[in-house]
Amino acid sequence: MRVADKKTIIFLVCSTLITLLPGCTNWEKKYEALSIEHENLKGQLEFERGEKRQLADRISQDQETIDNLQRQIEQQRKSPAEASGFGEGYDVAFNAAAGTITVTLPDAILFDSGKAELKKDASAKLDHIRAVIREKYAGKQIDVVGHTDTDPIKKSNWKDNWELSAHRALAVTRYLVAHGIDEKMIRAVGCGQGRPVVSNTTANGKAKNRRVEIVVHIR
């Protein structure tokens, strides 16, 4: 190859390189710009994902709060008998200050007049109460409290109303223990005529005062 041809080739190569150099610089700038834009988009994506996670957590927490409030509203709409689990047909009262649920049974359901032996058909009521206690209030202290009216003892052999109320409470307590209530968690109490719920001046008032209360200490 002649020297002149070599020089021509070298000249052409150099010219081509000179022509391409600005193009390389432009591609580098485009690459850097795209890289920066890519990182920015990644950062924005991560930020939005984080916001979505936080929003999902808030939605979940709000739903849980709504569900809890709904349950409380439904619970408040229930009668004490329903809310306690004993069901309708039972005289149930809550005492928030004392932390107790009291189920009151008239003496006519449980006993004949002046007697302390349970009637045969009393077992249905007591079995239901026992089942609820074992299911919902296991391990809670139970008081069985007997009450009478103010009429003096005349025809029976009881010394007084106090003794009658104590034996009636004991009869209910023994039944519950015999059917599965832990004897360490239950006690019998006789109050006689000392704690009336209404005046004893009428026959209806006296009937309400003759009762046995099953008191569940829920705290």
Protein backbone atom coordinates (compact mmCIF):
# COMPACT_ATOMS: atom_id res chain seq x y z
CA MET A 1 0.00 0.00 0.00
CA ARG A 2 1.25 3.39 -0.92
CA VAL A 3 2.05 6.00 1.71
CA ALA A 4 -0.49 8.31 0.22
CA ASP A 5 -3.21 5.71 0.60
CA LYS A 6 -2.24 5.10 4.22
CA LYS A 7 -2.44 8.78 4.93
CA THR A 8 -5.84 8.91 3.30
CA ILE A 9 -7.12 6.03 5.43
CA ILE A 10 -5.76 7.58 8.64
CA PHE A 11 -7.39 10.87 7.74
CA LEU A 12 -10.76 9.21 7.15
CA VAL A 13 -10.62 7.27 10.45
CA CYS A 14 -9.75 10.39 12.39
CA SER A 15 -12.51 12.32 10.70
CA THR A 16 -15.02 9.59 11.57
CA LEU A 17 -13.92 9.53 15.24
CA ILE A 18 -14.16 13.28 15.45
CA THR A 19 -17.68 13.02 13.99
CA LEU A 20 -18.74 10.32 16.49
CA LEU A 21 -17.34 11.95 19.64
CA PRO A 22 -20.20 14.45 20.08
CA GLY A 23 -22.66 11.57 19.55
CA CYS A 24 -21.05 9.54 22.37
CA THR A 25 -21.29 12.53 24.66
CA ASN A 26 -25.04 12.85 23.88
CA TRP A 27 -25.67 9.15 24.62
CA GLU A 28 -23.87 9.45 27.96
CA LYS A 29 -26.02 12.40 28.89
CA LYS A 30 -29.16 10.52 27.86
CA TYR A 31 -28.05 7.50 29.90
CA GLU A 32 -27.41 9.62 32.99
CA ALA A 33 -30.76 11.38 32.58
CA LEU A 34 -32.59 8.10 32.17
CA SER A 35 -30.79 6.61 35.18
CA ILE A 36 -31.79 9.59 37.33
CA GLU A 37 -35.36 9.40 36.09
CA HIS A 38 -35.40 5.64 36.78
CA GLU A 39 -34.21 6.13 40.36
CA ASN A 40 -36.76 8.88 40.88
CA LEU A 41 -39.54 6.64 39.62
CA LYS A 42 -38.35 3.80 41.87
CA GLY A 43 -38.40 6.16 44.82
CA GLN A 44 -41.85 7.41 43.94
CA LEU A 45 -43.09 3.83 43.55
CA GLU A 46 -41.72 2.81 46.96
CA PHE A 47 -43.26 5.92 48.52
CA GLU A 48 -46.66 5.14 47.00
CA ARG A 49 -46.40 1.51 48.10
CA GLY A 50 -45.64 2.68 51.62
CA GLU A 51 -48.63 5.02 51.56
CA LYS A 52 -50.83 2.19 50.29
CA ARG A 53 -49.65 -0.08 53.12
CA GLN A 54 -50.36 2.64 55.68
CA LEU A 55 -53.77 3.25 54.12
CA ALA A 56 -54.53 -0.49 54.18
CA ASP A 57 -53.51 -0.65 57.86
CA ARG A 58 -55.74 2.32 58.71
CA ILE A 59 -58.66 0.78 56.84
CA SER A 60 -58.15 -2.49 58.74
CA GLN A 61 -57.97 -0.68 62.10
CA ASP A 62 -61.04 1.42 61.30
CA GLN A 63 -62.98 -1.70 60.31
CA GLU A 64 -62.03 -3.39 63.57
CA THR A 65 -63.19 -0.32 65.51
CA ILE A 66 -66.48 -0.27 63.58
CA ASP A 67 -67.01 -3.99 64.26
CA ASN A 68 -66.34 -3.51 67.99
CA LEU A 69 -68.74 -0.57 68.20
CA GLN A 70 -71.37 -2.57 66.34
CA ARG A 71 -71.01 -5.43 68.81
CA GLN A 72 -71.33 -2.99 71.72
CA ILE A 73 -74.47 -1.45 70.22
CA GLU A 74 -75.99 -4.89 69.70
CA GLN A 75 -75.05 -5.89 73.25
CA GLN A 76 -76.66 -2.76 74.68
CA ARG A 77 -79.85 -3.48 72.77
CA LYS A 78 -80.13 -6.87 74.42
CA SER A 79 -82.04 -7.33 77.66
CA PRO A 80 -79.98 -8.26 80.74
CA ALA A 81 -81.29 -11.83 80.46
CA GLU A 82 -80.08 -12.12 76.84
CA ALA A 83 -76.77 -10.36 77.42
CA SER A 84 -75.93 -12.52 80.43
CA GLY A 85 -76.59 -15.74 78.53
CA PHE A 86 -79.41 -16.92 80.78
CA GLY A 87 -82.01 -16.04 78.16
CA GLU A 88 -85.50 -14.60 78.19
CA GLY A 89 -87.86 -15.81 80.87
CA TYR A 90 -85.32 -15.25 83.65
CA ASP A 91 -85.24 -12.28 86.01
CA VAL A 92 -81.64 -11.10 85.57
CA ALA A 93 -80.00 -7.92 86.86
CA PHE A 94 -76.52 -6.47 86.38
CA ASN A 95 -74.76 -4.49 89.09
CA ALA A 96 -71.76 -2.82 87.45
CA ALA A 97 -70.50 -1.32 90.71
CA ALA A 98 -70.53 -4.67 92.51
CA GLY A 99 -69.49 -6.64 89.44
CA THR A 100 -72.35 -9.10 89.77
CA ILE A 101 -75.09 -10.76 87.73
CA THR A 102 -78.10 -11.80 89.81
CA VAL A 103 -80.70 -14.34 88.70
CA THR A 104 -83.81 -14.17 90.89
CA LEU A 105 -86.13 -17.15 91.27
CA PRO A 106 -89.48 -16.71 93.10
CA ASP A 107 -89.93 -19.18 95.93
CA ALA A 108 -93.14 -20.48 94.30
CA ILE A 109 -91.03 -21.95 91.46
CA LEU A 110 -88.73 -23.77 93.85
CA PHE A 111 -90.61 -24.59 97.06
CA ASP A 112 -94.01 -25.28 98.52
CA SER A 113 -95.17 -22.83 101.17
CA GLY A 114 -93.09 -23.07 104.34
CA LYS A 115 -90.89 -25.85 102.88
CA ALA A 116 -87.20 -26.06 102.01
CA GLU A 117 -87.31 -29.16 99.81
CA LEU A 118 -87.06 -28.42 96.10
CA LYS A 119 -90.07 -29.16 93.93
CA LYS A 120 -89.55 -31.77 91.22
CA ASP A 121 -90.19 -29.28 88.42
CA ALA A 122 -87.64 -26.82 89.91
CA SER A 123 -84.86 -28.84 88.32
CA ALA A 124 -85.54 -27.47 84.80
CA LYS A 125 -84.81 -23.89 85.86
CA LEU A 126 -81.84 -24.86 88.01
CA ASP A 127 -80.35 -27.10 85.31
CA HIS A 128 -80.46 -24.25 82.81
CA ILE A 129 -78.83 -21.84 85.27
CA ARG A 130 -76.18 -24.42 86.13
CA ALA A 131 -75.40 -25.01 82.44
CA VAL A 132 -74.96 -21.28 81.76
CA ILE A 133 -72.72 -20.87 84.81
CA ARG A 134 -70.51 -23.76 83.73
CA GLU A 135 -70.31 -22.51 80.15
CA LYS A 136 -69.89 -18.76 80.64
CA TYR A 137 -68.90 -18.19 84.27
CA ALA A 138 -66.73 -21.16 85.17
CA GLY A 139 -64.39 -20.35 88.03
CA LYS A 140 -66.49 -17.39 89.25
CA GLN A 141 -67.70 -17.11 92.84
CA ILE A 142 -71.40 -17.92 93.24
CA ASP A 143 -73.64 -16.86 96.13
CA VAL A 144 -77.03 -18.48 96.62
CA VAL A 145 -79.08 -16.10 98.76
CA GLY A 146 -82.42 -16.96 100.36
CA HIS A 147 -85.04 -14.31 101.25
CA THR A 148 -88.50 -14.39 102.86
CA ASP A 149 -91.32 -11.98 103.52
CA THR A 150 -92.14 -10.59 106.96
CA ASP A 151 -94.91 -13.06 107.84
CA PRO A 152 -93.96 -14.86 111.06
CA ILE A 153 -93.45 -18.63 111.07
CA LYS A 154 -96.62 -20.28 112.38
CA LYS A 155 -97.35 -23.66 110.78
CA SER A 156 -93.85 -25.01 110.12
CA ASN A 157 -91.10 -26.10 112.48
CA TRP A 158 -88.65 -23.39 111.46
CA LYS A 159 -87.44 -21.20 114.26
CA ASP A 160 -87.85 -18.04 112.18
CA ASN A 161 -87.70 -16.66 108.63
CA TRP A 162 -83.95 -16.41 108.82
CA GLU A 163 -83.64 -20.15 109.35
CA LEU A 164 -86.13 -20.88 106.54
CA SER A 165 -84.25 -18.65 104.08
CA ALA A 166 -80.92 -20.27 105.00
CA HIS A 167 -82.24 -23.80 104.43
CA ARG A 168 -83.78 -22.83 101.10
CA ALA A 169 -80.49 -21.30 99.97
CA LEU A 170 -78.71 -24.45 101.12
CA ALA A 171 -81.14 -26.68 99.17
CA VAL A 172 -80.41 -24.79 95.92
CA THR A 173 -76.68 -24.79 96.66
CA ARG A 174 -76.61 -28.54 97.24
CA TYR A 175 -78.50 -29.15 94.00
CA LEU A 176 -76.05 -27.08 91.97
CA VAL A 177 -73.04 -28.77 93.58
CA ALA A 178 -74.55 -32.20 93.00
CA HIS A 179 -74.90 -31.31 89.31
CA GLY A 180 -71.41 -30.06 88.62
CA ILE A 181 -70.80 -26.66 90.25
CA ASP A 182 -67.50 -26.61 92.16
CA GLU A 183 -68.28 -26.55 95.88
CA LYS A 184 -65.24 -24.34 96.48
CA MET A 185 -66.80 -21.61 94.34
CA ILE A 186 -70.30 -21.50 95.85
CA ARG A 187 -71.80 -20.59 99.21
CA ALA A 188 -75.29 -20.42 100.72
CA VAL A 189 -76.53 -17.30 102.49
CA GLY A 190 -79.77 -16.77 104.41
CA CYS A 191 -81.05 -13.19 104.74
CA GLY A 192 -84.51 -13.87 106.11
CA GLN A 193 -86.82 -10.89 105.81
CA GLY A 194 -84.04 -8.34 106.13
CA ARG A 195 -83.58 -7.39 102.46
CA PRO A 196 -86.98 -6.88 100.81
CA VAL A 197 -87.11 -5.60 97.23
CA VAL A 198 -90.57 -4.07 97.71
CA SER A 199 -92.90 -3.34 100.58
CA ASN A 200 -94.40 -6.30 102.42
CA THR A 201 -97.74 -4.52 102.83
CA THR A 202 -99.43 -6.38 99.94
CA ALA A 203 -99.71 -10.01 98.95
CA ASN A 204 -97.95 -9.27 95.66
CA GLY A 205 -95.14 -7.49 97.49
CA LYS A 206 -94.67 -10.42 99.85
CA ALA A 207 -94.55 -12.84 96.90
CA LYS A 208 -91.75 -10.79 95.30
CA ASN A 209 -89.77 -10.77 98.52
CA ARG A 210 -89.94 -14.55 98.90
CA ARG A 211 -87.14 -15.49 96.54
CA VAL A 212 -83.78 -17.13 96.01
CA GLU A 213 -81.06 -15.14 94.27
CA ILE A 214 -78.16 -16.76 92.45
CA VAL A 215 -75.43 -14.13 92.39
CA VAL A 216 -72.51 -14.56 89.99
CA HIS A 217 -69.44 -12.45 90.79
CA ILE A 218 -68.04 -11.69 87.34
CA ARG A 219 -64.98 -9.76 88.51
